[in-house]
Structure formats: structure tokens, C-alpha cells
Amino acid sequence: MLECFRFMNDPVNFIPDSSYVGGKVLSSRSLSFYPNPTIGKIVFDGTLLRNAEKLQVLDLSGKIIFETVELQENQEIDLSGQTPGTYIIRIQAKSENYYGRLVLAEK
């Protein structure tokens, strides 16, 4: 319930609490993606992608708007057709979930 209040108070900067969602918040050491905010294209790098099984981008309602299981170093994805707003990046690696926040800006 606390997560709902945190989201309502600050939806732009909200990142799920790892104790609540059973995952870990991404750190710059494990995975980085840039630019953030972006107008469409995102490049992922970091050691976590080498062991990742799935990369997903979700909107704040939990709907998956992008998913891939074919991961590579310096993975690039294009979200330019999506509505501007805040999205959650989820990386699944060895039965653990890692989360990050992405802001898609208007062109």
C-alpha cells in the first residue's frame, strides 16, 4: 500500500521498492541506459545484459510495450512510437528482476 502512495505523490520519479516487488533497483554498476530522458532510441550497456534472459519496457499500468529475449551488448531499442511519459525497465536475469525508470520526452 505504501508503494501506491509513493507513486501518487511523485509519479515521475517513482521507482518500485525492491522489497515490495521482489526485485532490485538498477544501479549504475549493473546496468546503464542512455539517454534518459529520451525522445525514442535507448542504448543499454553493462554487465547485467550478458546474463539477462529478458528485457521489458512497461508503462505505469504494467502493460508491456516492448519485450525482447535476444539480448546483446550495447543493445539498442526504439520507443519513438510510444506516448511520452514515464516507463519502467525490467531486466530478468537468473530468476531475479531488476528495475529502472525511463522518461520518454516529447519531440
PDB file of N, CA and C in Angstrom:
ATOM      1  N   MET A   1       0.821  -1.187   0.000  1.00  0.00           N
ATOM      2  CA  MET A   1       0.000   0.000   0.000  1.00  0.00           C
ATOM      3  C   MET A   1       0.867   1.253   0.000  1.00  0.00           C
ATOM      4  N   LEU A   2       1.984   1.198   0.703  1.00  0.00           N
ATOM      5  CA  LEU A   2       2.889   2.340   0.750  1.00  0.00           C
ATOM      6  C   LEU A   2       3.366   2.709  -0.649  1.00  0.00           C
ATOM      7  N   GLU A   3       3.596   1.710  -1.510  1.00  0.00           N
ATOM      8  CA  GLU A   3       4.043   1.976  -2.879  1.00  0.00           C
ATOM      9  C   GLU A   3       3.021   2.810  -3.638  1.00  0.00           C
ATOM     10  N   CYS A   4       1.747   2.560  -3.430  1.00  0.00           N
ATOM     11  CA  CYS A   4       0.700   3.336  -4.105  1.00  0.00           C
ATOM     12  C   CYS A   4       0.792   4.808  -3.725  1.00  0.00           C
ATOM     13  N   PHE A   5       1.016   5.098  -2.455  1.00  0.00           N
ATOM     14  CA  PHE A   5       1.134   6.479  -2.015  1.00  0.00           C
ATOM     15  C   PHE A   5       2.400   7.135  -2.552  1.00  0.00           C
ATOM     16  N   ARG A   6       3.492   6.384  -2.599  1.00  0.00           N
ATOM     17  CA  ARG A   6       4.727   6.939  -3.159  1.00  0.00           C
ATOM     18  C   ARG A   6       4.537   7.293  -4.622  1.00  0.00           C
ATOM     19  N   PHE A   7       3.840   6.422  -5.373  1.00  0.00           N
ATOM     20  CA  PHE A   7       3.591   6.691  -6.780  1.00  0.00           C
ATOM     21  C   PHE A   7       2.708   7.921  -6.955  1.00  0.00           C
ATOM     22  N   MET A   8       1.618   8.019  -6.184  1.00  0.00           N
ATOM     23  CA  MET A   8       0.700   9.148  -6.317  1.00  0.00           C
ATOM     24  C   MET A   8       1.364  10.465  -5.941  1.00  0.00           C
ATOM     25  N   ASN A   9       2.279  10.447  -4.989  1.00  0.00           N
ATOM     26  CA  ASN A   9       2.951  11.679  -4.572  1.00  0.00           C
ATOM     27  C   ASN A   9       3.980  12.151  -5.586  1.00  0.00           C
ATOM     28  N   ASP A  10       4.627  11.220  -6.299  1.00  0.00           N
ATOM     29  CA  ASP A  10       5.695  11.598  -7.222  1.00  0.00           C
ATOM     30  C   ASP A  10       5.787  10.586  -8.368  1.00  0.00           C
ATOM     31  N   PRO A  11       4.814  10.560  -9.307  1.00  0.00           N
ATOM     32  CA  PRO A  11       4.811   9.545 -10.351  1.00  0.00           C
ATOM     33  C   PRO A  11       5.988   9.640 -11.317  1.00  0.00           C
ATOM     34  N   VAL A  12       6.560  10.818 -11.509  1.00  0.00           N
ATOM     35  CA  VAL A  12       7.668  10.963 -12.446  1.00  0.00           C
ATOM     36  C   VAL A  12       8.937  10.307 -11.913  1.00  0.00           C
ATOM     37  N   ASN A  13       9.190  10.438 -10.626  1.00  0.00           N
ATOM     38  CA  ASN A  13      10.419   9.895 -10.044  1.00  0.00           C
ATOM     39  C   ASN A  13      10.213   8.568  -9.332  1.00  0.00           C
ATOM     40  N   PHE A  14       9.042   7.955  -9.487  1.00  0.00           N
ATOM     41  CA  PHE A  14       8.735   6.706  -8.795  1.00  0.00           C
ATOM     42  C   PHE A  14       9.523   5.543  -9.384  1.00  0.00           C
ATOM     43  N   ILE A  15      10.183   4.790  -8.519  1.00  0.00           N
ATOM     44  CA  ILE A  15      10.811   3.514  -8.862  1.00  0.00           C
ATOM     45  C   ILE A  15      10.301   2.520  -7.840  1.00  0.00           C
ATOM     46  N   PRO A  16       9.837   1.345  -8.292  1.00  0.00           N
ATOM     47  CA  PRO A  16       9.314   0.384  -7.320  1.00  0.00           C
ATOM     48  C   PRO A  16      10.335   0.033  -6.250  1.00  0.00           C
ATOM     49  N   ASP A  17       9.860  -0.121  -5.036  1.00  0.00           N
ATOM     50  CA  ASP A  17      10.697  -0.525  -3.919  1.00  0.00           C
ATOM     51  C   ASP A  17      10.999  -2.005  -4.057  1.00  0.00           C
ATOM     52  N   SER A  18      12.256  -2.386  -4.051  1.00  0.00           N
ATOM     53  CA  SER A  18      12.625  -3.774  -4.293  1.00  0.00           C
ATOM     54  C   SER A  18      12.040  -4.721  -3.250  1.00  0.00           C
ATOM     55  N   SER A  19      11.811  -4.266  -2.035  1.00  0.00           N
ATOM     56  CA  SER A  19      11.232  -5.147  -1.025  1.00  0.00           C
ATOM     57  C   SER A  19       9.767  -5.433  -1.326  1.00  0.00           C
ATOM     58  N   TYR A  20       9.129  -4.552  -2.064  1.00  0.00           N
ATOM     59  CA  TYR A  20       7.718  -4.726  -2.396  1.00  0.00           C
ATOM     60  C   TYR A  20       7.530  -5.579  -3.646  1.00  0.00           C
ATOM     61  N   VAL A  21       8.305  -5.353  -4.675  1.00  0.00           N
ATOM     62  CA  VAL A  21       8.091  -6.037  -5.945  1.00  0.00           C
ATOM     63  C   VAL A  21       8.966  -7.269  -6.114  1.00  0.00           C
ATOM     64  N   GLY A  22       9.823  -7.557  -5.173  1.00  0.00           N
ATOM     65  CA  GLY A  22      10.657  -8.747  -5.287  1.00  0.00           C
ATOM     66  C   GLY A  22      11.783  -8.599  -6.279  1.00  0.00           C
ATOM     67  N   GLY A  23      12.246  -7.404  -6.512  1.00  0.00           N
ATOM     68  CA  GLY A  23      13.323  -7.171  -7.452  1.00  0.00           C
ATOM     69  C   GLY A  23      14.319  -6.195  -6.892  1.00  0.00           C
ATOM     70  N   LYS A  24      15.278  -5.843  -7.706  1.00  0.00           N
ATOM     71  CA  LYS A  24      16.310  -4.899  -7.294  1.00  0.00           C
ATOM     72  C   LYS A  24      16.255  -3.691  -8.201  1.00  0.00           C
ATOM     73  N   VAL A  25      16.443  -2.538  -7.619  1.00  0.00           N
ATOM     74  CA  VAL A  25      16.509  -1.308  -8.393  1.00  0.00           C
ATOM     75  C   VAL A  25      17.872  -1.282  -9.075  1.00  0.00           C
ATOM     76  N   LEU A  26      17.879  -0.920 -10.350  1.00  0.00           N
ATOM     77  CA  LEU A  26      19.117  -0.934 -11.116  1.00  0.00           C
ATOM     78  C   LEU A  26      20.117   0.077 -10.567  1.00  0.00           C
ATOM     79  N   SER A  27      21.352  -0.335 -10.526  1.00  0.00           N
ATOM     80  CA  SER A  27      22.414   0.586 -10.140  1.00  0.00           C
ATOM     81  C   SER A  27      23.270   0.849 -11.366  1.00  0.00           C
ATOM     82  N   SER A  28      24.012   1.920 -11.344  1.00  0.00           N
ATOM     83  CA  SER A  28      24.849   2.252 -12.491  1.00  0.00           C
ATOM     84  C   SER A  28      25.939   1.205 -12.719  1.00  0.00           C
ATOM     85  N   ARG A  29      26.293   0.449 -11.677  1.00  0.00           N
ATOM     86  CA  ARG A  29      27.301  -0.587 -11.849  1.00  0.00           C
ATOM     87  C   ARG A  29      26.760  -1.800 -12.594  1.00  0.00           C
ATOM     88  N   SER A  30      25.479  -2.134 -12.412  1.00  0.00           N
ATOM     89  CA  SER A  30      24.940  -3.339 -13.019  1.00  0.00           C
ATOM     90  C   SER A  30      24.401  -3.106 -14.431  1.00  0.00           C
ATOM     91  N   LEU A  31      23.772  -1.978 -14.660  1.00  0.00           N
ATOM     92  CA  LEU A  31      23.205  -1.695 -15.972  1.00  0.00           C
ATOM     93  C   LEU A  31      23.037  -0.199 -16.123  1.00  0.00           C
ATOM     94  N   SER A  32      23.314   0.270 -17.302  1.00  0.00           N
ATOM     95  CA  SER A  32      23.037   1.677 -17.581  1.00  0.00           C
ATOM     96  C   SER A  32      22.375   1.767 -18.945  1.00  0.00           C
ATOM     97  N   PHE A  33      21.543   2.764 -19.099  1.00  0.00           N
ATOM     98  CA  PHE A  33      20.930   3.034 -20.390  1.00  0.00           C
ATOM     99  C   PHE A  33      20.917   4.541 -20.573  1.00  0.00           C
ATOM    100  N   TYR A  34      21.070   4.949 -21.797  1.00  0.00           N
ATOM    101  CA  TYR A  34      21.161   6.370 -22.093  1.00  0.00           C
ATOM    102  C   TYR A  34      20.594   6.628 -23.480  1.00  0.00           C
ATOM    103  N   PRO A  35      20.164   7.802 -23.814  1.00  0.00           N
ATOM    104  CA  PRO A  35      19.946   8.931 -22.909  1.00  0.00           C
ATOM    105  C   PRO A  35      18.675   8.722 -22.092  1.00  0.00           C
ATOM    106  N   ASN A  36      18.607   9.368 -20.984  1.00  0.00           N
ATOM    107  CA  ASN A  36      17.421   9.327 -20.135  1.00  0.00           C
ATOM    108  C   ASN A  36      17.265  10.689 -19.483  1.00  0.00           C
ATOM    109  N   PRO A  37      16.302  11.497 -19.891  1.00  0.00           N
ATOM    110  CA  PRO A  37      15.181  11.207 -20.775  1.00  0.00           C
ATOM    111  C   PRO A  37      15.609  11.074 -22.237  1.00  0.00           C
ATOM    112  N   THR A  38      14.724  10.454 -23.020  1.00  0.00           N
ATOM    113  CA  THR A  38      14.981  10.218 -24.431  1.00  0.00           C
ATOM    114  C   THR A  38      13.763  10.616 -25.245  1.00  0.00           C
ATOM    115  N   ILE A  39      13.967  10.778 -26.559  1.00  0.00           N
ATOM    116  CA  ILE A  39      12.823  11.009 -27.441  1.00  0.00           C
ATOM    117  C   ILE A  39      12.512   9.741 -28.235  1.00  0.00           C
ATOM    118  N   GLY A  40      13.245   8.660 -27.968  1.00  0.00           N
ATOM    119  CA  GLY A  40      12.933   7.414 -28.665  1.00  0.00           C
ATOM    120  C   GLY A  40      13.961   6.329 -28.495  1.00  0.00           C
ATOM    121  N   LYS A  41      15.161   6.531 -29.027  1.00  0.00           N
ATOM    122  CA  LYS A  41      16.173   5.474 -29.009  1.00  0.00           C
ATOM    123  C   LYS A  41      16.908   5.441 -27.674  1.00  0.00           C
ATOM    124  N   ILE A  42      17.129   4.214 -27.198  1.00  0.00           N
ATOM    125  CA  ILE A  42      17.837   3.980 -25.941  1.00  0.00           C
ATOM    126  C   ILE A  42      18.908   2.930 -26.189  1.00  0.00           C
ATOM    127  N   VAL A  43      20.079   3.149 -25.620  1.00  0.00           N
ATOM    128  CA  VAL A  43      21.168   2.176 -25.708  1.00  0.00           C
ATOM    129  C   VAL A  43      21.424   1.647 -24.301  1.00  0.00           C
ATOM    130  N   PHE A  44      21.457   0.323 -24.169  1.00  0.00           N
ATOM    131  CA  PHE A  44      21.732  -0.338 -22.899  1.00  0.00           C
ATOM    132  C   PHE A  44      23.148  -0.886 -22.941  1.00  0.00           C
ATOM    133  N   ASP A  45      23.846  -0.759 -21.829  1.00  0.00           N
ATOM    134  CA  ASP A  45      25.131  -1.435 -21.709  1.00  0.00           C
ATOM    135  C   ASP A  45      25.324  -1.836 -20.257  1.00  0.00           C
ATOM    136  N   GLY A  46      26.338  -2.572 -19.987  1.00  0.00           N
ATOM    137  CA  GLY A  46      26.582  -3.039 -18.629  1.00  0.00           C
ATOM    138  C   GLY A  46      26.663  -4.546 -18.570  1.00  0.00           C
ATOM    139  N   THR A  47      27.218  -5.038 -17.505  1.00  0.00           N
ATOM    140  CA  THR A  47      27.462  -6.471 -17.370  1.00  0.00           C
ATOM    141  C   THR A  47      26.184  -7.271 -17.149  1.00  0.00           C
ATOM    142  N   LEU A  48      25.147  -6.661 -16.645  1.00  0.00           N
ATOM    143  CA  LEU A  48      23.906  -7.384 -16.370  1.00  0.00           C
ATOM    144  C   LEU A  48      23.280  -7.952 -17.641  1.00  0.00           C
ATOM    145  N   LEU A  49      23.395  -7.261 -18.766  1.00  0.00           N
ATOM    146  CA  LEU A  49      22.793  -7.744 -20.005  1.00  0.00           C
ATOM    147  C   LEU A  49      23.410  -9.051 -20.484  1.00  0.00           C
ATOM    148  N   ARG A  50      24.649  -9.323 -20.138  1.00  0.00           N
ATOM    149  CA  ARG A  50      25.276 -10.583 -20.563  1.00  0.00           C
ATOM    150  C   ARG A  50      24.567 -11.794 -19.984  1.00  0.00           C
ATOM    151  N   ASN A  51      24.025 -11.653 -18.780  1.00  0.00           N
ATOM    152  CA  ASN A  51      23.341 -12.755 -18.112  1.00  0.00           C
ATOM    153  C   ASN A  51      21.826 -12.633 -18.166  1.00  0.00           C
ATOM    154  N   ALA A  52      21.311 -11.615 -18.824  1.00  0.00           N
ATOM    155  CA  ALA A  52      19.871 -11.368 -18.839  1.00  0.00           C
ATOM    156  C   ALA A  52      19.159 -12.347 -19.763  1.00  0.00           C
ATOM    157  N   GLU A  53      17.963 -12.702 -19.354  1.00  0.00           N
ATOM    158  CA  GLU A  53      17.121 -13.588 -20.151  1.00  0.00           C
ATOM    159  C   GLU A  53      16.052 -12.812 -20.904  1.00  0.00           C
ATOM    160  N   LYS A  54      15.660 -11.648 -20.363  1.00  0.00           N
ATOM    161  CA  LYS A  54      14.584 -10.884 -20.981  1.00  0.00           C
ATOM    162  C   LYS A  54      14.697  -9.415 -20.591  1.00  0.00           C
ATOM    163  N   LEU A  55      14.407  -8.553 -21.543  1.00  0.00           N
ATOM    164  CA  LEU A  55      14.348  -7.111 -21.327  1.00  0.00           C
ATOM    165  C   LEU A  55      12.934  -6.665 -21.673  1.00  0.00           C
ATOM    166  N   GLN A  56      12.294  -5.947 -20.742  1.00  0.00           N
ATOM    167  CA  GLN A  56      10.938  -5.457 -20.976  1.00  0.00           C
ATOM    168  C   GLN A  56      10.854  -3.980 -20.636  1.00  0.00           C
ATOM    169  N   VAL A  57       9.985  -3.283 -21.360  1.00  0.00           N
ATOM    170  CA  VAL A  57       9.628  -1.910 -21.036  1.00  0.00           C
ATOM    171  C   VAL A  57       8.134  -1.927 -20.763  1.00  0.00           C
ATOM    172  N   LEU A  58       7.748  -1.414 -19.590  1.00  0.00           N
ATOM    173  CA  LEU A  58       6.350  -1.417 -19.177  1.00  0.00           C
ATOM    174  C   LEU A  58       5.872   0.006 -18.955  1.00  0.00           C
ATOM    175  N   ASP A  59       4.605   0.256 -19.259  1.00  0.00           N
ATOM    176  CA  ASP A  59       4.041   1.550 -18.877  1.00  0.00           C
ATOM    177  C   ASP A  59       3.660   1.471 -17.402  1.00  0.00           C
ATOM    178  N   LEU A  60       3.185   2.561 -16.838  1.00  0.00           N
ATOM    179  CA  LEU A  60       2.919   2.587 -15.400  1.00  0.00           C
ATOM    180  C   LEU A  60       1.700   1.772 -14.986  1.00  0.00           C
ATOM    181  N   SER A  61       0.909   1.313 -15.960  1.00  0.00           N
ATOM    182  CA  SER A  61      -0.212   0.424 -15.630  1.00  0.00           C
ATOM    183  C   SER A  61       0.237  -1.035 -15.607  1.00  0.00           C
ATOM    184  N   GLY A  62       1.492  -1.292 -16.011  1.00  0.00           N
ATOM    185  CA  GLY A  62       2.022  -2.653 -16.023  1.00  0.00           C
ATOM    186  C   GLY A  62       1.957  -3.328 -17.377  1.00  0.00           C
ATOM    187  N   LYS A  63       1.433  -2.639 -18.388  1.00  0.00           N
ATOM    188  CA  LYS A  63       1.338  -3.197 -19.734  1.00  0.00           C
ATOM    189  C   LYS A  63       2.725  -3.217 -20.380  1.00  0.00           C
ATOM    190  N   ILE A  64       3.086  -4.359 -20.955  1.00  0.00           N
ATOM    191  CA  ILE A  64       4.377  -4.488 -21.630  1.00  0.00           C
ATOM    192  C   ILE A  64       4.266  -3.825 -22.996  1.00  0.00           C
ATOM    193  N   ILE A  65       5.114  -2.819 -23.238  1.00  0.00           N
ATOM    194  CA  ILE A  65       5.079  -2.137 -24.535  1.00  0.00           C
ATOM    195  C   ILE A  65       6.249  -2.554 -25.424  1.00  0.00           C
ATOM    196  N   PHE A  66       7.258  -3.183 -24.822  1.00  0.00           N
ATOM    197  CA  PHE A  66       8.397  -3.700 -25.583  1.00  0.00           C
ATOM    198  C   PHE A  66       8.968  -4.879 -24.819  1.00  0.00           C
ATOM    199  N   GLU A  67       9.382  -5.918 -25.574  1.00  0.00           N
ATOM    200  CA  GLU A  67       9.989  -7.087 -24.939  1.00  0.00           C
ATOM    201  C   GLU A  67      10.930  -7.753 -25.928  1.00  0.00           C
ATOM    202  N   THR A  68      12.070  -8.203 -25.435  1.00  0.00           N
ATOM    203  CA  THR A  68      12.989  -8.965 -26.268  1.00  0.00           C
ATOM    204  C   THR A  68      13.735  -9.985 -25.410  1.00  0.00           C
ATOM    205  N   VAL A  69      14.024 -11.122 -26.017  1.00  0.00           N
ATOM    206  CA  VAL A  69      14.842 -12.147 -25.360  1.00  0.00           C
ATOM    207  C   VAL A  69      16.175 -12.308 -26.079  1.00  0.00           C
ATOM    208  N   GLU A  70      16.320 -11.611 -27.194  1.00  0.00           N
ATOM    209  CA  GLU A  70      17.567 -11.645 -27.953  1.00  0.00           C
ATOM    210  C   GLU A  70      18.406 -10.440 -27.545  1.00  0.00           C
ATOM    211  N   LEU A  71      19.182 -10.621 -26.487  1.00  0.00           N
ATOM    212  CA  LEU A  71      19.951  -9.520 -25.921  1.00  0.00           C
ATOM    213  C   LEU A  71      21.401  -9.589 -26.362  1.00  0.00           C
ATOM    214  N   GLN A  72      21.987  -8.424 -26.496  1.00  0.00           N
ATOM    215  CA  GLN A  72      23.392  -8.314 -26.873  1.00  0.00           C
ATOM    216  C   GLN A  72      23.995  -7.112 -26.158  1.00  0.00           C
ATOM    217  N   GLU A  73      25.309  -7.071 -26.113  1.00  0.00           N
ATOM    218  CA  GLU A  73      25.957  -5.901 -25.508  1.00  0.00           C
ATOM    219  C   GLU A  73      25.629  -4.681 -26.357  1.00  0.00           C
ATOM    220  N   ASN A  74      25.515  -3.551 -25.703  1.00  0.00           N
ATOM    221  CA  ASN A  74      25.123  -2.294 -26.355  1.00  0.00           C
ATOM    222  C   ASN A  74      23.798  -2.430 -27.095  1.00  0.00           C
ATOM    223  N   GLN A  75      22.853  -3.116 -26.462  1.00  0.00           N
ATOM    224  CA  GLN A  75      21.504  -3.301 -27.006  1.00  0.00           C
ATOM    225  C   GLN A  75      20.861  -1.948 -27.246  1.00  0.00           C
ATOM    226  N   GLU A  76      20.228  -1.778 -28.400  1.00  0.00           N
ATOM    227  CA  GLU A  76      19.528  -0.534 -28.709  1.00  0.00           C
ATOM    228  C   GLU A  76      18.073  -0.856 -29.002  1.00  0.00           C
ATOM    229  N   ILE A  77      17.168  -0.063 -28.431  1.00  0.00           N
ATOM    230  CA  ILE A  77      15.752  -0.204 -28.737  1.00  0.00           C
ATOM    231  C   ILE A  77      15.200   1.163 -29.112  1.00  0.00           C
ATOM    232  N   ASP A  78      14.091   1.152 -29.848  1.00  0.00           N
ATOM    233  CA  ASP A  78      13.476   2.393 -30.301  1.00  0.00           C
ATOM    234  C   ASP A  78      12.040   2.449 -29.792  1.00  0.00           C
ATOM    235  N   LEU A  79      11.748   3.439 -28.967  1.00  0.00           N
ATOM    236  CA  LEU A  79      10.406   3.638 -28.413  1.00  0.00           C
ATOM    237  C   LEU A  79       9.754   4.893 -28.968  1.00  0.00           C
ATOM    238  N   SER A  80      10.232   5.366 -30.109  1.00  0.00           N
ATOM    239  CA  SER A  80       9.749   6.647 -30.634  1.00  0.00           C
ATOM    240  C   SER A  80       8.268   6.644 -30.990  1.00  0.00           C
ATOM    241  N   GLY A  81       7.644   5.490 -31.164  1.00  0.00           N
ATOM    242  CA  GLY A  81       6.223   5.439 -31.471  1.00  0.00           C
ATOM    243  C   GLY A  81       5.325   5.429 -30.245  1.00  0.00           C
ATOM    244  N   GLN A  82       5.914   5.468 -29.060  1.00  0.00           N
ATOM    245  CA  GLN A  82       5.147   5.396 -27.819  1.00  0.00           C
ATOM    246  C   GLN A  82       4.774   6.788 -27.305  1.00  0.00           C
ATOM    247  N   THR A  83       3.770   6.815 -26.445  1.00  0.00           N
ATOM    248  CA  THR A  83       3.317   8.057 -25.829  1.00  0.00           C
ATOM    249  C   THR A  83       4.368   8.572 -24.850  1.00  0.00           C
ATOM    250  N   PRO A  84       4.691   9.866 -24.881  1.00  0.00           N
ATOM    251  CA  PRO A  84       5.636  10.416 -23.908  1.00  0.00           C
ATOM    252  C   PRO A  84       5.152  10.170 -22.482  1.00  0.00           C
ATOM    253  N   GLY A  85       6.090   9.887 -21.592  1.00  0.00           N
ATOM    254  CA  GLY A  85       5.753   9.640 -20.194  1.00  0.00           C
ATOM    255  C   GLY A  85       6.842   8.844 -19.510  1.00  0.00           C
ATOM    256  N   THR A  86       6.502   8.294 -18.363  1.00  0.00           N
ATOM    257  CA  THR A  86       7.435   7.518 -17.566  1.00  0.00           C
ATOM    258  C   THR A  86       7.182   6.034 -17.788  1.00  0.00           C
ATOM    259  N   TYR A  87       8.261   5.284 -17.956  1.00  0.00           N
ATOM    260  CA  TYR A  87       8.185   3.849 -18.185  1.00  0.00           C
ATOM    261  C   TYR A  87       9.128   3.134 -17.224  1.00  0.00           C
ATOM    262  N   ILE A  88       8.843   1.868 -16.999  1.00  0.00           N
ATOM    263  CA  ILE A  88       9.678   1.034 -16.139  1.00  0.00           C
ATOM    264  C   ILE A  88      10.445   0.052 -17.020  1.00  0.00           C
ATOM    265  N   ILE A  89      11.740  -0.034 -16.809  1.00  0.00           N
ATOM    266  CA  ILE A  89      12.586  -1.013 -17.477  1.00  0.00           C
ATOM    267  C   ILE A  89      12.700  -2.206 -16.535  1.00  0.00           C
ATOM    268  N   ARG A  90      12.438  -3.411 -17.052  1.00  0.00           N
ATOM    269  CA  ARG A  90      12.594  -4.616 -16.234  1.00  0.00           C
ATOM    270  C   ARG A  90      13.530  -5.569 -16.964  1.00  0.00           C
ATOM    271  N   ILE A  91      14.568  -5.986 -16.248  1.00  0.00           N
ATOM    272  CA  ILE A  91      15.515  -6.971 -16.756  1.00  0.00           C
ATOM    273  C   ILE A  91      15.345  -8.235 -15.922  1.00  0.00           C
ATOM    274  N   GLN A  92      15.125  -9.357 -16.581  1.00  0.00           N
ATOM    275  CA  GLN A  92      15.036 -10.629 -15.875  1.00  0.00           C
ATOM    276  C   GLN A  92      16.329 -11.390 -16.117  1.00  0.00           C
ATOM    277  N   ALA A  93      17.001 -11.730 -15.012  1.00  0.00           N
ATOM    278  CA  ALA A  93      18.275 -12.437 -15.085  1.00  0.00           C
ATOM    279  C   ALA A  93      18.358 -13.436 -13.937  1.00  0.00           C
ATOM    280  N   LYS A  94      18.473 -14.709 -14.279  1.00  0.00           N
ATOM    281  CA  LYS A  94      18.630 -15.757 -13.268  1.00  0.00           C
ATOM    282  C   LYS A  94      17.568 -15.668 -12.176  1.00  0.00           C
ATOM    283  N   SER A  95      16.329 -15.657 -12.553  1.00  0.00           N
ATOM    284  CA  SER A  95      15.160 -15.641 -11.668  1.00  0.00           C
ATOM    285  C   SER A  95      15.076 -14.402 -10.766  1.00  0.00           C
ATOM    286  N   GLU A  96      15.785 -13.356 -11.091  1.00  0.00           N
ATOM    287  CA  GLU A  96      15.676 -12.090 -10.370  1.00  0.00           C
ATOM    288  C   GLU A  96      15.230 -11.013 -11.345  1.00  0.00           C
ATOM    289  N   ASN A  97      14.517 -10.027 -10.830  1.00  0.00           N
ATOM    290  CA  ASN A  97      14.081  -8.889 -11.626  1.00  0.00           C
ATOM    291  C   ASN A  97      14.839  -7.643 -11.184  1.00  0.00           C
ATOM    292  N   TYR A  98      15.293  -6.868 -12.160  1.00  0.00           N
ATOM    293  CA  TYR A  98      15.970  -5.602 -11.903  1.00  0.00           C
ATOM    294  C   TYR A  98      15.142  -4.520 -12.567  1.00  0.00           C
ATOM    295  N   TYR A  99      15.002  -3.376 -11.900  1.00  0.00           N
ATOM    296  CA  TYR A  99      14.128  -2.311 -12.383  1.00  0.00           C
ATOM    297  C   TYR A  99      14.864  -0.985 -12.531  1.00  0.00           C
ATOM    298  N   GLY A 100      14.412  -0.203 -13.487  1.00  0.00           N
ATOM    299  CA  GLY A 100      14.900   1.149 -13.675  1.00  0.00           C
ATOM    300  C   GLY A 100      13.770   2.009 -14.221  1.00  0.00           C
ATOM    301  N   ARG A 101      13.932   3.290 -14.176  1.00  0.00           N
ATOM    302  CA  ARG A 101      12.918   4.236 -14.649  1.00  0.00           C
ATOM    303  C   ARG A 101      13.434   4.944 -15.885  1.00  0.00           C
ATOM    304  N   LEU A 102      12.564   5.064 -16.872  1.00  0.00           N
ATOM    305  CA  LEU A 102      12.887   5.734 -18.127  1.00  0.00           C
ATOM    306  C   LEU A 102      11.854   6.804 -18.408  1.00  0.00           C
ATOM    307  N   VAL A 103      12.298   7.970 -18.830  1.00  0.00           N
ATOM    308  CA  VAL A 103      11.376   9.050 -19.193  1.00  0.00           C
ATOM    309  C   VAL A 103      11.462   9.237 -20.701  1.00  0.00           C
ATOM    310  N   LEU A 104      10.310   9.095 -21.357  1.00  0.00           N
ATOM    311  CA  LEU A 104      10.194   9.316 -22.788  1.00  0.00           C
ATOM    312  C   LEU A 104       9.614  10.713 -22.987  1.00  0.00           C
ATOM    313  N   ALA A 105      10.415  11.599 -23.562  1.00  0.00           N
ATOM    314  CA  ALA A 105      10.028  13.001 -23.718  1.00  0.00           C
ATOM    315  C   ALA A 105       9.366  13.234 -25.074  1.00  0.00           C
ATOM    316  N   GLU A 106       8.663  14.362 -25.177  1.00  0.00           N
ATOM    317  CA  GLU A 106       8.066  14.750 -26.445  1.00  0.00           C
ATOM    318  C   GLU A 106       9.151  15.240 -27.393  1.00  0.00           C
ATOM    319  N   LYS A 107       8.912  15.061 -28.681  1.00  0.00           N
ATOM    320  CA  LYS A 107       9.877  15.526 -29.689  1.00  0.00           C
ATOM    321  C   LYS A 107       9.776  17.011 -29.876  1.00  0.00           C
TER     322      LYS A 107
END
